[in-house]
C-alpha atoms as a PDB file:
ATOM      1  CA  UNK A   1      82.198 110.282 109.298  1.00  0.00           C
ATOM      2  CA  UNK A   2      84.991 112.067 108.120  1.00  0.00           C
ATOM      3  CA  UNK A   3      85.431 114.715 110.614  1.00  0.00           C
ATOM      4  CA  UNK A   4      89.161 116.145 108.841  1.00  0.00           C
ATOM      5  CA  UNK A   5      90.105 116.106 105.515  1.00  0.00           C
ATOM      6  CA  UNK A   6      93.593 116.731 106.435  1.00  0.00           C
ATOM      7  CA  UNK A   7      96.062 118.536 103.077  1.00  0.00           C
ATOM      8  CA  UNK A   8      95.644 116.351 100.356  1.00  0.00           C
ATOM      9  CA  UNK A   9      92.218 117.021  99.760  1.00  0.00           C
ATOM     10  CA  UNK A  10      91.924 116.093  95.918  1.00  0.00           C
ATOM     11  CA  UNK A  11      92.988 112.420  97.581  1.00  0.00           C
ATOM     12  CA  UNK A  12      90.484 112.661  99.538  1.00  0.00           C
ATOM     13  CA  UNK A  13      87.656 113.541  97.238  1.00  0.00           C
ATOM     14  CA  UNK A  14      88.638 110.624  95.268  1.00  0.00           C
ATOM     15  CA  UNK A  15      88.225 108.070  97.908  1.00  0.00           C
ATOM     16  CA  UNK A  16      84.512 109.731  98.733  1.00  0.00           C
ATOM     17  CA  UNK A  17      84.165 109.206  95.260  1.00  0.00           C
ATOM     18  CA  UNK A  18      85.538 105.580  95.335  1.00  0.00           C
ATOM     19  CA  UNK A  19      82.974 104.770  98.049  1.00  0.00           C
ATOM     20  CA  UNK A  20      79.988 106.852  97.556  1.00  0.00           C
ATOM     21  CA  UNK A  21      80.142 106.484  93.657  1.00  0.00           C
ATOM     22  CA  UNK A  22      79.094 110.196  93.670  1.00  0.00           C
ATOM     23  CA  UNK A  23      80.358 112.259  90.814  1.00  0.00           C
ATOM     24  CA  UNK A  24      82.917 115.068  91.144  1.00  0.00           C
ATOM     25  CA  UNK A  25      80.938 118.292  92.864  1.00  0.00           C
ATOM     26  CA  UNK A  26      78.810 116.058  95.229  1.00  0.00           C
ATOM     27  CA  UNK A  27      82.148 114.357  96.389  1.00  0.00           C
ATOM     28  CA  UNK A  28      83.941 118.022  96.432  1.00  0.00           C
ATOM     29  CA  UNK A  29      81.330 119.675  98.414  1.00  0.00           C
ATOM     30  CA  UNK A  30      80.707 117.224 101.106  1.00  0.00           C
ATOM     31  CA  UNK A  31      83.941 117.011 101.232  1.00  0.00           C
ATOM     32  CA  UNK A  32      83.763 121.052 101.483  1.00  0.00           C
ATOM     33  CA  UNK A  33      81.548 121.025 104.247  1.00  0.00           C
ATOM     34  CA  UNK A  34      83.779 119.003 106.760  1.00  0.00           C
ATOM     35  CA  UNK A  35      84.676 122.721 107.283  1.00  0.00           C
ATOM     36  CA  UNK A  36      81.480 123.689 108.976  1.00  0.00           C
ATOM     37  CA  UNK A  37      81.319 119.952 110.912  1.00  0.00           C
ATOM     38  CA  UNK A  38      81.484 116.497 110.227  1.00  0.00           C
ATOM     39  CA  UNK A  39      79.806 114.658 107.202  1.00  0.00           C
ATOM     40  CA  UNK A  40      78.687 111.184 106.891  1.00  0.00           C
ATOM     41  CA  UNK A  41      79.893 109.133 104.220  1.00  0.00           C
ATOM     42  CA  UNK A  42      77.884 105.739 104.441  1.00  0.00           C
ATOM     43  CA  UNK A  43      75.613 104.249 106.759  1.00  0.00           C
ATOM     44  CA  UNK A  44      74.292 100.947 107.858  1.00  0.00           C
ATOM     45  CA  UNK A  45      77.101  99.009 106.957  1.00  0.00           C
ATOM     46  CA  UNK A  46      79.131  96.444 108.316  1.00  0.00           C
ATOM     47  CA  UNK A  47      81.996  97.028 110.526  1.00  0.00           C
ATOM     48  CA  UNK A  48      84.268  95.244 107.855  1.00  0.00           C
ATOM     49  CA  UNK A  49      83.183  97.518 105.407  1.00  0.00           C
ATOM     50  CA  UNK A  50      83.757 100.329 107.662  1.00  0.00           C
ATOM     51  CA  UNK A  51      87.328  99.621 108.417  1.00  0.00           C
ATOM     52  CA  UNK A  52      87.832  99.295 104.994  1.00  0.00           C
ATOM     53  CA  UNK A  53      86.593 102.455 104.246  1.00  0.00           C
ATOM     54  CA  UNK A  54      88.381 104.065 106.938  1.00  0.00           C
ATOM     55  CA  UNK A  55      91.346 102.979 106.007  1.00  0.00           C
ATOM     56  CA  UNK A  56      91.220 104.582 102.642  1.00  0.00           C
ATOM     57  CA  UNK A  57      90.451 107.654 103.976  1.00  0.00           C
ATOM     58  CA  UNK A  58      93.477 107.379 106.256  1.00  0.00           C
ATOM     59  CA  UNK A  59      95.856 106.651 103.505  1.00  0.00           C
ATOM     60  CA  UNK A  60      94.559 109.495 101.825  1.00  0.00           C
ATOM     61  CA  UNK A  61      95.327 111.972 104.947  1.00  0.00           C
ATOM     62  CA  UNK A  62      91.749 112.216 106.097  1.00  0.00           C
ATOM     63  CA  UNK A  63      90.998 111.632 110.085  1.00  0.00           C
ATOM     64  CA  UNK A  64      87.482 109.099 109.946  1.00  0.00           C
ATOM     65  CA  UNK A  65      85.590 108.280 113.020  1.00  0.00           C
ATOM     66  CA  UNK A  66      82.804 105.272 113.027  1.00  0.00           C
ATOM     67  CA  UNK A  67      80.277 105.053 114.857  1.00  0.00           C
END
């Protein structure tokens, strides 16, 4: 779950595209929607994959929570 984008919004959008294989507009819309509340990035994945995804987002400056 993406909780906060941070200051490097473009890097977070790139991370969303990389993780979800969504297009640029869909990724940007998801990142923009974080202002109204946390957004689910990916569901039903293994803990190891979730940890790797979390690292990508943290490097981009975002705050992520694994549920």
